[in-house]
């Protein structure tokens, strides 16, 4: 089995596990590391594992089969959790977990197109059944549209130059991951994030992946659904890996945890806005030095969580 280290495992277990013997949902199952730890911790807990990637589901099934009927699976986009729960006639959950981003399995397989260090097609689909690949996206967009994706989703300062060069090359030859990486290497210098040197193609690859899978819109949608998925006292935990995701989650939590928004001089509330959640993480939880050394992927992870009132 592929070596897999769940990010912020101790912190996730402490917060996600809100009730002994409860029913939990892992909305981004991946290879099943977080779910395995929770099922070991609580011999009475049950977990529904959901993942968009059918290959991840199959590997997680093998990993978690020792827990028998205490764990069950659904392949699909996490934005559809409510529909999945309705179809399976499941109750509201006692804990909801989302570990966003890409897995080690997806990165290691060059044919999936997520890695700028492995040769492969520019695919980048979380679910291989999606109609549009990253290469299709590049072919179909104008230079200006591609620039906006790289600028907005990758926060790349040289988005305009990169977009123009990508489109120029795409007109002449079929792009793959290494060709795209080489184009960017000629434009962007290596940069550091939290003291770690990052590849110049990091931001552009991130932007194309987000756009290909509509990741931010999916995140916004499931945040809107979250209050209806949880039992009273249940916890929802979110792990994000870049500032765009974290900002969306942070703003949603702020709105949930805020009660009446009427001006203070109003004699009584007219906004009818009630506090829905308690913010369990006033400041995002991040990995410590020891975990970052053992698992470099954790260096950019931010965990935020809430409890439903």
C-alpha atoms as a PDB file:
ATOM      1  CA  UNK A   1       0.000   0.000   0.000  1.00  0.00           C
ATOM      2  CA  UNK A   2       1.163   3.542  -0.763  1.00  0.00           C
ATOM      3  CA  UNK A   3       2.747   5.211   2.265  1.00  0.00           C
ATOM      4  CA  UNK A   4       0.175   7.586   3.672  1.00  0.00           C
ATOM      5  CA  UNK A   5       0.508   9.993   6.599  1.00  0.00           C
ATOM      6  CA  UNK A   6      -2.777  11.678   7.620  1.00  0.00           C
ATOM      7  CA  UNK A   7      -2.308  15.405   8.217  1.00  0.00           C
ATOM      8  CA  UNK A   8      -2.874  16.820  11.743  1.00  0.00           C
ATOM      9  CA  UNK A   9      -4.091  13.398  12.890  1.00  0.00           C
ATOM     10  CA  UNK A  10      -4.011  14.038  16.647  1.00  0.00           C
ATOM     11  CA  UNK A  11      -5.820  17.351  16.273  1.00  0.00           C
ATOM     12  CA  UNK A  12      -8.434  15.878  13.924  1.00  0.00           C
ATOM     13  CA  UNK A  13      -9.209  13.002  16.304  1.00  0.00           C
ATOM     14  CA  UNK A  14      -9.523  15.332  19.288  1.00  0.00           C
ATOM     15  CA  UNK A  15     -12.029  17.615  17.570  1.00  0.00           C
ATOM     16  CA  UNK A  16     -13.822  15.411  15.015  1.00  0.00           C
ATOM     17  CA  UNK A  17     -14.716  12.755  17.606  1.00  0.00           C
ATOM     18  CA  UNK A  18     -17.484  14.667  19.365  1.00  0.00           C
ATOM     19  CA  UNK A  19     -19.561  11.728  20.650  1.00  0.00           C
ATOM     20  CA  UNK A  20     -18.723   8.131  21.566  1.00  0.00           C
ATOM     21  CA  UNK A  21     -20.507   5.646  19.358  1.00  0.00           C
ATOM     22  CA  UNK A  22     -21.557   8.378  16.967  1.00  0.00           C
ATOM     23  CA  UNK A  23     -22.086   8.414  13.217  1.00  0.00           C
ATOM     24  CA  UNK A  24     -19.329  10.267  11.365  1.00  0.00           C
ATOM     25  CA  UNK A  25     -18.781  11.360   7.774  1.00  0.00           C
ATOM     26  CA  UNK A  26     -15.356  11.646   6.150  1.00  0.00           C
ATOM     27  CA  UNK A  27     -16.234  13.790   3.149  1.00  0.00           C
ATOM     28  CA  UNK A  28     -12.769  13.472   1.587  1.00  0.00           C
ATOM     29  CA  UNK A  29     -11.851   9.895   2.455  1.00  0.00           C
ATOM     30  CA  UNK A  30      -8.657   9.699   0.415  1.00  0.00           C
ATOM     31  CA  UNK A  31      -6.700   6.629   1.522  1.00  0.00           C
ATOM     32  CA  UNK A  32      -8.676   6.400   4.762  1.00  0.00           C
ATOM     33  CA  UNK A  33      -6.076   7.441   7.344  1.00  0.00           C
ATOM     34  CA  UNK A  34      -8.259   9.754   9.430  1.00  0.00           C
ATOM     35  CA  UNK A  35     -11.214   7.361   9.351  1.00  0.00           C
ATOM     36  CA  UNK A  36      -9.042   4.415  10.351  1.00  0.00           C
ATOM     37  CA  UNK A  37      -7.763   6.311  13.381  1.00  0.00           C
ATOM     38  CA  UNK A  38     -11.276   7.289  14.501  1.00  0.00           C
ATOM     39  CA  UNK A  39     -12.629   3.735  14.106  1.00  0.00           C
ATOM     40  CA  UNK A  40      -9.706   2.430  16.178  1.00  0.00           C
ATOM     41  CA  UNK A  41     -10.244   5.062  18.872  1.00  0.00           C
ATOM     42  CA  UNK A  42     -13.979   4.412  19.204  1.00  0.00           C
ATOM     43  CA  UNK A  43     -15.018   0.724  18.794  1.00  0.00           C
ATOM     44  CA  UNK A  44     -18.677   1.797  18.591  1.00  0.00           C
ATOM     45  CA  UNK A  45     -18.350   4.572  15.998  1.00  0.00           C
ATOM     46  CA  UNK A  46     -19.574   4.273  12.417  1.00  0.00           C
ATOM     47  CA  UNK A  47     -18.107   6.139   9.438  1.00  0.00           C
ATOM     48  CA  UNK A  48     -19.391   6.964   5.978  1.00  0.00           C
ATOM     49  CA  UNK A  49     -16.412   7.562   3.700  1.00  0.00           C
ATOM     50  CA  UNK A  50     -16.961   9.646   0.569  1.00  0.00           C
ATOM     51  CA  UNK A  51     -14.445  10.442  -2.147  1.00  0.00           C
ATOM     52  CA  UNK A  52     -14.629  11.783  -5.672  1.00  0.00           C
ATOM     53  CA  UNK A  53     -11.775   9.563  -6.827  1.00  0.00           C
ATOM     54  CA  UNK A  54     -12.834   5.929  -7.461  1.00  0.00           C
ATOM     55  CA  UNK A  55      -9.237   4.688  -7.110  1.00  0.00           C
ATOM     56  CA  UNK A  56      -8.986   6.214  -3.634  1.00  0.00           C
ATOM     57  CA  UNK A  57     -12.258   4.572  -2.646  1.00  0.00           C
ATOM     58  CA  UNK A  58     -10.986   1.121  -3.655  1.00  0.00           C
ATOM     59  CA  UNK A  59      -7.745   1.511  -1.700  1.00  0.00           C
ATOM     60  CA  UNK A  60      -9.606   2.828   1.358  1.00  0.00           C
ATOM     61  CA  UNK A  61     -12.037  -0.106   1.203  1.00  0.00           C
ATOM     62  CA  UNK A  62      -9.130  -2.543   1.425  1.00  0.00           C
ATOM     63  CA  UNK A  63      -7.544  -0.582   4.270  1.00  0.00           C
ATOM     64  CA  UNK A  64     -10.741  -0.330   6.305  1.00  0.00           C
ATOM     65  CA  UNK A  65     -12.329  -3.728   5.622  1.00  0.00           C
ATOM     66  CA  UNK A  66     -11.184  -4.932   9.072  1.00  0.00           C
ATOM     67  CA  UNK A  67     -13.880  -2.683  10.576  1.00  0.00           C
ATOM     68  CA  UNK A  68     -16.649  -4.554   8.777  1.00  0.00           C
ATOM     69  CA  UNK A  69     -20.104  -2.990   8.775  1.00  0.00           C
ATOM     70  CA  UNK A  70     -18.963  -0.051  10.921  1.00  0.00           C
ATOM     71  CA  UNK A  71     -17.688   1.686   7.789  1.00  0.00           C
ATOM     72  CA  UNK A  72     -19.405   2.117   4.443  1.00  0.00           C
ATOM     73  CA  UNK A  73     -18.534   4.009   1.289  1.00  0.00           C
ATOM     74  CA  UNK A  74     -19.900   6.256  -1.445  1.00  0.00           C
ATOM     75  CA  UNK A  75     -18.078   7.511  -4.522  1.00  0.00           C
ATOM     76  CA  UNK A  76     -18.999  11.087  -5.336  1.00  0.00           C
ATOM     77  CA  UNK A  77     -18.335  14.796  -4.980  1.00  0.00           C
ATOM     78  CA  UNK A  78     -18.524  16.006  -1.384  1.00  0.00           C
ATOM     79  CA  UNK A  79     -20.895  18.760  -2.454  1.00  0.00           C
ATOM     80  CA  UNK A  80     -23.500  15.995  -2.875  1.00  0.00           C
ATOM     81  CA  UNK A  81     -23.260  14.672   0.698  1.00  0.00           C
ATOM     82  CA  UNK A  82     -26.837  15.675   1.481  1.00  0.00           C
ATOM     83  CA  UNK A  83     -28.155  13.694  -1.494  1.00  0.00           C
ATOM     84  CA  UNK A  84     -25.940  10.721  -0.606  1.00  0.00           C
ATOM     85  CA  UNK A  85     -27.276  10.744   2.961  1.00  0.00           C
ATOM     86  CA  UNK A  86     -30.873  10.936   1.712  1.00  0.00           C
ATOM     87  CA  UNK A  87     -30.353   8.078  -0.749  1.00  0.00           C
ATOM     88  CA  UNK A  88     -28.817   5.884   1.984  1.00  0.00           C
ATOM     89  CA  UNK A  89     -31.482   6.983   4.496  1.00  0.00           C
ATOM     90  CA  UNK A  90     -28.837   8.122   6.963  1.00  0.00           C
ATOM     91  CA  UNK A  91     -29.409  10.359  10.005  1.00  0.00           C
ATOM     92  CA  UNK A  92     -27.675  13.670  10.578  1.00  0.00           C
ATOM     93  CA  UNK A  93     -24.032  13.183  11.480  1.00  0.00           C
ATOM     94  CA  UNK A  94     -22.186  13.653  14.789  1.00  0.00           C
ATOM     95  CA  UNK A  95     -19.015  14.736  13.006  1.00  0.00           C
ATOM     96  CA  UNK A  96     -18.064  15.931   9.545  1.00  0.00           C
ATOM     97  CA  UNK A  97     -14.491  16.018   8.202  1.00  0.00           C
ATOM     98  CA  UNK A  98     -13.053  17.598   5.059  1.00  0.00           C
ATOM     99  CA  UNK A  99      -9.339  17.241   4.262  1.00  0.00           C
ATOM    100  CA  UNK A 100      -9.137  19.342   1.093  1.00  0.00           C
ATOM    101  CA  UNK A 101      -6.555  19.289  -1.661  1.00  0.00           C
ATOM    102  CA  UNK A 102      -4.860  16.381  -3.423  1.00  0.00           C
ATOM    103  CA  UNK A 103      -3.606  13.119  -1.983  1.00  0.00           C
ATOM    104  CA  UNK A 104      -0.204  11.456  -2.197  1.00  0.00           C
ATOM    105  CA  UNK A 105      -1.814   8.786  -4.386  1.00  0.00           C
ATOM    106  CA  UNK A 106      -2.879  11.368  -6.957  1.00  0.00           C
ATOM    107  CA  UNK A 107       0.484  13.133  -6.928  1.00  0.00           C
ATOM    108  CA  UNK A 108       2.530   9.951  -7.294  1.00  0.00           C
ATOM    109  CA  UNK A 109       0.670   8.809 -10.401  1.00  0.00           C
ATOM    110  CA  UNK A 110       2.055  10.850 -13.300  1.00  0.00           C
ATOM    111  CA  UNK A 111      -0.835   9.829 -15.548  1.00  0.00           C
ATOM    112  CA  UNK A 112      -3.242  11.794 -13.353  1.00  0.00           C
ATOM    113  CA  UNK A 113      -1.484  15.033 -14.359  1.00  0.00           C
ATOM    114  CA  UNK A 114      -1.326  16.689 -10.934  1.00  0.00           C
ATOM    115  CA  UNK A 115       2.455  16.731 -10.558  1.00  0.00           C
ATOM    116  CA  UNK A 116       4.823  19.077 -12.369  1.00  0.00           C
ATOM    117  CA  UNK A 117       7.678  16.682 -11.517  1.00  0.00           C
ATOM    118  CA  UNK A 118       6.278  13.592 -13.260  1.00  0.00           C
ATOM    119  CA  UNK A 119       5.628  13.246 -16.961  1.00  0.00           C
ATOM    120  CA  UNK A 120       2.027  12.687 -17.937  1.00  0.00           C
ATOM    121  CA  UNK A 121      -1.006  14.156 -19.688  1.00  0.00           C
ATOM    122  CA  UNK A 122      -2.498  17.427 -18.433  1.00  0.00           C
ATOM    123  CA  UNK A 123      -5.489  15.695 -16.893  1.00  0.00           C
ATOM    124  CA  UNK A 124      -5.905  16.953 -13.267  1.00  0.00           C
ATOM    125  CA  UNK A 125      -9.433  15.546 -12.851  1.00  0.00           C
ATOM    126  CA  UNK A 126     -10.251  14.382  -9.311  1.00  0.00           C
ATOM    127  CA  UNK A 127     -12.914  12.188 -10.889  1.00  0.00           C
ATOM    128  CA  UNK A 128     -11.697  10.665 -14.194  1.00  0.00           C
ATOM    129  CA  UNK A 129     -15.279  10.666 -15.481  1.00  0.00           C
ATOM    130  CA  UNK A 130     -15.428  14.481 -15.620  1.00  0.00           C
ATOM    131  CA  UNK A 131     -15.799  15.787 -19.172  1.00  0.00           C
ATOM    132  CA  UNK A 132     -13.060  18.434 -19.164  1.00  0.00           C
ATOM    133  CA  UNK A 133      -9.354  17.951 -18.436  1.00  0.00           C
ATOM    134  CA  UNK A 134      -6.858  20.719 -17.676  1.00  0.00           C
ATOM    135  CA  UNK A 135      -5.615  20.444 -21.257  1.00  0.00           C
ATOM    136  CA  UNK A 136      -9.173  20.935 -22.556  1.00  0.00           C
ATOM    137  CA  UNK A 137      -9.467  23.973 -20.310  1.00  0.00           C
ATOM    138  CA  UNK A 138      -6.306  25.499 -21.778  1.00  0.00           C
ATOM    139  CA  UNK A 139      -7.466  24.833 -25.329  1.00  0.00           C
ATOM    140  CA  UNK A 140     -10.943  26.290 -24.777  1.00  0.00           C
ATOM    141  CA  UNK A 141     -10.057  29.452 -22.849  1.00  0.00           C
ATOM    142  CA  UNK A 142      -8.839  32.732 -24.263  1.00  0.00           C
ATOM    143  CA  UNK A 143      -5.529  34.184 -23.083  1.00  0.00           C
ATOM    144  CA  UNK A 144      -7.435  36.661 -20.912  1.00  0.00           C
ATOM    145  CA  UNK A 145      -9.601  33.947 -19.325  1.00  0.00           C
ATOM    146  CA  UNK A 146      -6.569  31.755 -18.654  1.00  0.00           C
ATOM    147  CA  UNK A 147      -4.765  34.731 -17.121  1.00  0.00           C
ATOM    148  CA  UNK A 148      -7.658  35.320 -14.696  1.00  0.00           C
ATOM    149  CA  UNK A 149      -7.642  31.677 -13.583  1.00  0.00           C
ATOM    150  CA  UNK A 150      -3.886  31.687 -12.934  1.00  0.00           C
ATOM    151  CA  UNK A 151      -4.071  35.073 -11.204  1.00  0.00           C
ATOM    152  CA  UNK A 152      -7.164  34.416  -9.074  1.00  0.00           C
ATOM    153  CA  UNK A 153      -6.719  30.727  -8.223  1.00  0.00           C
ATOM    154  CA  UNK A 154      -2.921  30.608  -8.169  1.00  0.00           C
ATOM    155  CA  UNK A 155      -2.244  34.124  -6.871  1.00  0.00           C
ATOM    156  CA  UNK A 156       0.517  34.236  -9.471  1.00  0.00           C
ATOM    157  CA  UNK A 157       1.943  37.699 -10.178  1.00  0.00           C
ATOM    158  CA  UNK A 158       3.179  36.770 -13.652  1.00  0.00           C
ATOM    159  CA  UNK A 159      -0.163  35.292 -14.728  1.00  0.00           C
ATOM    160  CA  UNK A 160      -0.417  37.419 -17.880  1.00  0.00           C
ATOM    161  CA  UNK A 161       2.952  36.315 -19.283  1.00  0.00           C
ATOM    162  CA  UNK A 162       2.371  32.682 -18.294  1.00  0.00           C
ATOM    163  CA  UNK A 163      -1.081  32.607 -19.909  1.00  0.00           C
ATOM    164  CA  UNK A 164       0.247  34.072 -23.156  1.00  0.00           C
ATOM    165  CA  UNK A 165       3.150  31.610 -23.348  1.00  0.00           C
ATOM    166  CA  UNK A 166       0.947  28.618 -22.516  1.00  0.00           C
ATOM    167  CA  UNK A 167      -1.526  29.515 -25.250  1.00  0.00           C
ATOM    168  CA  UNK A 168       1.256  30.132 -27.787  1.00  0.00           C
ATOM    169  CA  UNK A 169       2.754  26.694 -27.102  1.00  0.00           C
ATOM    170  CA  UNK A 170      -0.656  25.004 -27.032  1.00  0.00           C
ATOM    171  CA  UNK A 171      -1.310  26.201 -30.602  1.00  0.00           C
ATOM    172  CA  UNK A 172       1.867  24.465 -31.820  1.00  0.00           C
ATOM    173  CA  UNK A 173       2.031  21.254 -29.793  1.00  0.00           C
ATOM    174  CA  UNK A 174       0.130  19.121 -27.333  1.00  0.00           C
ATOM    175  CA  UNK A 175       1.111  20.068 -23.801  1.00  0.00           C
ATOM    176  CA  UNK A 176       1.898  17.593 -21.024  1.00  0.00           C
ATOM    177  CA  UNK A 177       2.912  18.183 -17.408  1.00  0.00           C
ATOM    178  CA  UNK A 178       6.648  18.510 -18.016  1.00  0.00           C
ATOM    179  CA  UNK A 179       6.221  20.776 -21.070  1.00  0.00           C
ATOM    180  CA  UNK A 180       3.947  23.053 -19.070  1.00  0.00           C
ATOM    181  CA  UNK A 181       6.403  23.056 -16.184  1.00  0.00           C
ATOM    182  CA  UNK A 182       9.268  24.001 -18.515  1.00  0.00           C
ATOM    183  CA  UNK A 183       7.282  26.913 -19.949  1.00  0.00           C
ATOM    184  CA  UNK A 184       6.728  28.305 -16.459  1.00  0.00           C
ATOM    185  CA  UNK A 185      10.348  27.718 -15.405  1.00  0.00           C
ATOM    186  CA  UNK A 186      11.456  30.208 -18.066  1.00  0.00           C
ATOM    187  CA  UNK A 187       9.201  32.902 -16.577  1.00  0.00           C
ATOM    188  CA  UNK A 188       9.029  32.402 -12.806  1.00  0.00           C
ATOM    189  CA  UNK A 189      11.886  32.142 -10.347  1.00  0.00           C
ATOM    190  CA  UNK A 190      11.825  29.629  -7.462  1.00  0.00           C
ATOM    191  CA  UNK A 191      10.154  31.133  -4.399  1.00  0.00           C
ATOM    192  CA  UNK A 192       9.810  30.394  -0.705  1.00  0.00           C
ATOM    193  CA  UNK A 193       6.738  29.786   1.410  1.00  0.00           C
ATOM    194  CA  UNK A 194       7.194  29.486   5.175  1.00  0.00           C
ATOM    195  CA  UNK A 195      10.921  29.109   4.609  1.00  0.00           C
ATOM    196  CA  UNK A 196      10.542  26.225   2.141  1.00  0.00           C
ATOM    197  CA  UNK A 197      11.626  26.574  -1.498  1.00  0.00           C
ATOM    198  CA  UNK A 198       8.754  25.881  -3.880  1.00  0.00           C
ATOM    199  CA  UNK A 199       8.810  24.988  -7.547  1.00  0.00           C
ATOM    200  CA  UNK A 200       7.959  27.904  -9.913  1.00  0.00           C
ATOM    201  CA  UNK A 201       5.080  25.880 -11.423  1.00  0.00           C
ATOM    202  CA  UNK A 202       3.336  25.327  -8.068  1.00  0.00           C
ATOM    203  CA  UNK A 203       0.883  28.220  -8.336  1.00  0.00           C
ATOM    204  CA  UNK A 204      -0.082  27.675 -11.963  1.00  0.00           C
ATOM    205  CA  UNK A 205      -0.659  23.944 -11.471  1.00  0.00           C
ATOM    206  CA  UNK A 206      -2.756  24.729  -8.403  1.00  0.00           C
ATOM    207  CA  UNK A 207      -4.843  27.217 -10.389  1.00  0.00           C
ATOM    208  CA  UNK A 208      -5.482  24.802 -13.259  1.00  0.00           C
ATOM    209  CA  UNK A 209      -6.420  21.995 -10.853  1.00  0.00           C
ATOM    210  CA  UNK A 210      -8.873  24.227  -8.991  1.00  0.00           C
ATOM    211  CA  UNK A 211     -10.486  25.372 -12.233  1.00  0.00           C
ATOM    212  CA  UNK A 212     -10.652  21.879 -13.755  1.00  0.00           C
ATOM    213  CA  UNK A 213     -12.476  20.497 -10.703  1.00  0.00           C
ATOM    214  CA  UNK A 214     -14.468  23.633  -9.808  1.00  0.00           C
ATOM    215  CA  UNK A 215     -13.047  23.235  -6.303  1.00  0.00           C
ATOM    216  CA  UNK A 216     -13.875  26.601  -4.771  1.00  0.00           C
ATOM    217  CA  UNK A 217     -17.483  26.555  -5.951  1.00  0.00           C
ATOM    218  CA  UNK A 218     -17.875  23.023  -4.595  1.00  0.00           C
ATOM    219  CA  UNK A 219     -16.465  24.207  -1.265  1.00  0.00           C
ATOM    220  CA  UNK A 220     -18.836  27.168  -1.089  1.00  0.00           C
ATOM    221  CA  UNK A 221     -21.783  24.889  -1.888  1.00  0.00           C
ATOM    222  CA  UNK A 222     -21.037  22.326   0.830  1.00  0.00           C
ATOM    223  CA  UNK A 223     -20.446  25.093   3.373  1.00  0.00           C
ATOM    224  CA  UNK A 224     -23.971  26.252   2.627  1.00  0.00           C
ATOM    225  CA  UNK A 225     -25.253  22.701   3.206  1.00  0.00           C
ATOM    226  CA  UNK A 226     -23.256  22.024   6.387  1.00  0.00           C
ATOM    227  CA  UNK A 227     -25.773  23.303   8.998  1.00  0.00           C
ATOM    228  CA  UNK A 228     -28.386  20.839   7.712  1.00  0.00           C
ATOM    229  CA  UNK A 229     -26.011  17.852   7.892  1.00  0.00           C
ATOM    230  CA  UNK A 230     -25.131  18.036  11.604  1.00  0.00           C
ATOM    231  CA  UNK A 231     -26.808  16.920  14.796  1.00  0.00           C
ATOM    232  CA  UNK A 232     -26.867  19.352  17.702  1.00  0.00           C
ATOM    233  CA  UNK A 233     -23.458  19.163  19.388  1.00  0.00           C
ATOM    234  CA  UNK A 234     -21.796  17.747  16.264  1.00  0.00           C
ATOM    235  CA  UNK A 235     -18.423  19.040  15.065  1.00  0.00           C
ATOM    236  CA  UNK A 236     -17.398  19.971  11.528  1.00  0.00           C
ATOM    237  CA  UNK A 237     -13.655  19.998  10.801  1.00  0.00           C
ATOM    238  CA  UNK A 238     -11.975  21.564   7.759  1.00  0.00           C
ATOM    239  CA  UNK A 239      -8.337  21.193   6.677  1.00  0.00           C
ATOM    240  CA  UNK A 240      -7.276  23.511   3.858  1.00  0.00           C
ATOM    241  CA  UNK A 241      -3.957  23.896   2.074  1.00  0.00           C
ATOM    242  CA  UNK A 242      -4.020  27.316   0.478  1.00  0.00           C
ATOM    243  CA  UNK A 243      -5.236  30.786   1.402  1.00  0.00           C
ATOM    244  CA  UNK A 244      -8.212  30.817  -0.972  1.00  0.00           C
ATOM    245  CA  UNK A 245      -9.832  27.799   0.687  1.00  0.00           C
ATOM    246  CA  UNK A 246      -8.955  28.968   4.180  1.00  0.00           C
ATOM    247  CA  UNK A 247     -10.442  32.415   3.558  1.00  0.00           C
ATOM    248  CA  UNK A 248     -13.742  30.923   2.360  1.00  0.00           C
ATOM    249  CA  UNK A 249     -13.952  28.610   5.388  1.00  0.00           C
ATOM    250  CA  UNK A 250     -12.956  31.358   7.823  1.00  0.00           C
ATOM    251  CA  UNK A 251     -15.655  33.695   6.486  1.00  0.00           C
ATOM    252  CA  UNK A 252     -18.317  30.981   6.667  1.00  0.00           C
ATOM    253  CA  UNK A 253     -17.417  30.212  10.289  1.00  0.00           C
ATOM    254  CA  UNK A 254     -17.519  33.908  11.162  1.00  0.00           C
ATOM    255  CA  UNK A 255     -21.035  34.187   9.741  1.00  0.00           C
ATOM    256  CA  UNK A 256     -22.217  30.990  11.468  1.00  0.00           C
ATOM    257  CA  UNK A 257     -20.845  32.027  14.842  1.00  0.00           C
ATOM    258  CA  UNK A 258     -22.340  35.525  14.674  1.00  0.00           C
ATOM    259  CA  UNK A 259     -25.743  36.132  16.180  1.00  0.00           C
ATOM    260  CA  UNK A 260     -27.859  39.234  15.804  1.00  0.00           C
ATOM    261  CA  UNK A 261     -26.424  41.838  13.417  1.00  0.00           C
ATOM    262  CA  UNK A 262     -28.877  44.623  14.234  1.00  0.00           C
ATOM    263  CA  UNK A 263     -27.394  47.994  15.261  1.00  0.00           C
ATOM    264  CA  UNK A 264     -26.738  48.133  19.002  1.00  0.00           C
ATOM    265  CA  UNK A 265     -29.230  50.969  19.514  1.00  0.00           C
ATOM    266  CA  UNK A 266     -32.155  48.874  18.210  1.00  0.00           C
ATOM    267  CA  UNK A 267     -34.576  48.111  21.076  1.00  0.00           C
ATOM    268  CA  UNK A 268     -35.129  44.576  19.773  1.00  0.00           C
ATOM    269  CA  UNK A 269     -33.807  42.225  17.100  1.00  0.00           C
ATOM    270  CA  UNK A 270     -35.368  42.537  13.667  1.00  0.00           C
ATOM    271  CA  UNK A 271     -32.740  40.703  11.589  1.00  0.00           C
ATOM    272  CA  UNK A 272     -33.860  37.300  12.915  1.00  0.00           C
ATOM    273  CA  UNK A 273     -30.289  36.030  12.603  1.00  0.00           C
ATOM    274  CA  UNK A 274     -29.395  33.439  15.212  1.00  0.00           C
ATOM    275  CA  UNK A 275     -26.041  32.015  16.188  1.00  0.00           C
ATOM    276  CA  UNK A 276     -25.775  28.537  14.624  1.00  0.00           C
ATOM    277  CA  UNK A 277     -22.303  27.391  15.652  1.00  0.00           C
ATOM    278  CA  UNK A 278     -19.589  27.792  18.246  1.00  0.00           C
ATOM    279  CA  UNK A 279     -16.196  28.489  16.713  1.00  0.00           C
ATOM    280  CA  UNK A 280     -13.827  25.856  18.153  1.00  0.00           C
ATOM    281  CA  UNK A 281     -10.696  27.318  16.547  1.00  0.00           C
ATOM    282  CA  UNK A 282     -10.431  31.081  16.954  1.00  0.00           C
ATOM    283  CA  UNK A 283      -7.063  30.764  15.258  1.00  0.00           C
ATOM    284  CA  UNK A 284      -6.339  28.090  12.652  1.00  0.00           C
ATOM    285  CA  UNK A 285      -4.479  25.041  13.986  1.00  0.00           C
ATOM    286  CA  UNK A 286      -1.257  24.298  12.115  1.00  0.00           C
ATOM    287  CA  UNK A 287       1.255  21.463  12.183  1.00  0.00           C
ATOM    288  CA  UNK A 288       4.141  21.553  14.617  1.00  0.00           C
ATOM    289  CA  UNK A 289       7.811  21.334  13.634  1.00  0.00           C
ATOM    290  CA  UNK A 290       7.988  17.579  14.264  1.00  0.00           C
ATOM    291  CA  UNK A 291       5.047  16.812  11.978  1.00  0.00           C
ATOM    292  CA  UNK A 292       6.341  19.101   9.220  1.00  0.00           C
ATOM    293  CA  UNK A 293       9.674  17.241   9.280  1.00  0.00           C
ATOM    294  CA  UNK A 294       7.909  13.869   9.072  1.00  0.00           C
ATOM    295  CA  UNK A 295       5.319  15.014   6.534  1.00  0.00           C
ATOM    296  CA  UNK A 296       6.283  18.126   4.508  1.00  0.00           C
ATOM    297  CA  UNK A 297       2.753  18.287   3.024  1.00  0.00           C
ATOM    298  CA  UNK A 298       1.479  19.352   6.446  1.00  0.00           C
ATOM    299  CA  UNK A 299       3.415  22.620   6.424  1.00  0.00           C
ATOM    300  CA  UNK A 300       0.628  24.483   4.619  1.00  0.00           C
ATOM    301  CA  UNK A 301      -2.302  22.759   6.370  1.00  0.00           C
ATOM    302  CA  UNK A 302      -4.759  24.866   8.392  1.00  0.00           C
ATOM    303  CA  UNK A 303      -7.468  23.284  10.513  1.00  0.00           C
ATOM    304  CA  UNK A 304     -10.645  25.104  11.503  1.00  0.00           C
ATOM    305  CA  UNK A 305     -13.681  23.630  13.274  1.00  0.00           C
ATOM    306  CA  UNK A 306     -17.110  24.448  14.635  1.00  0.00           C
ATOM    307  CA  UNK A 307     -19.704  22.891  16.932  1.00  0.00           C
ATOM    308  CA  UNK A 308     -23.382  23.062  16.043  1.00  0.00           C
ATOM    309  CA  UNK A 309     -25.509  24.612  18.772  1.00  0.00           C
END
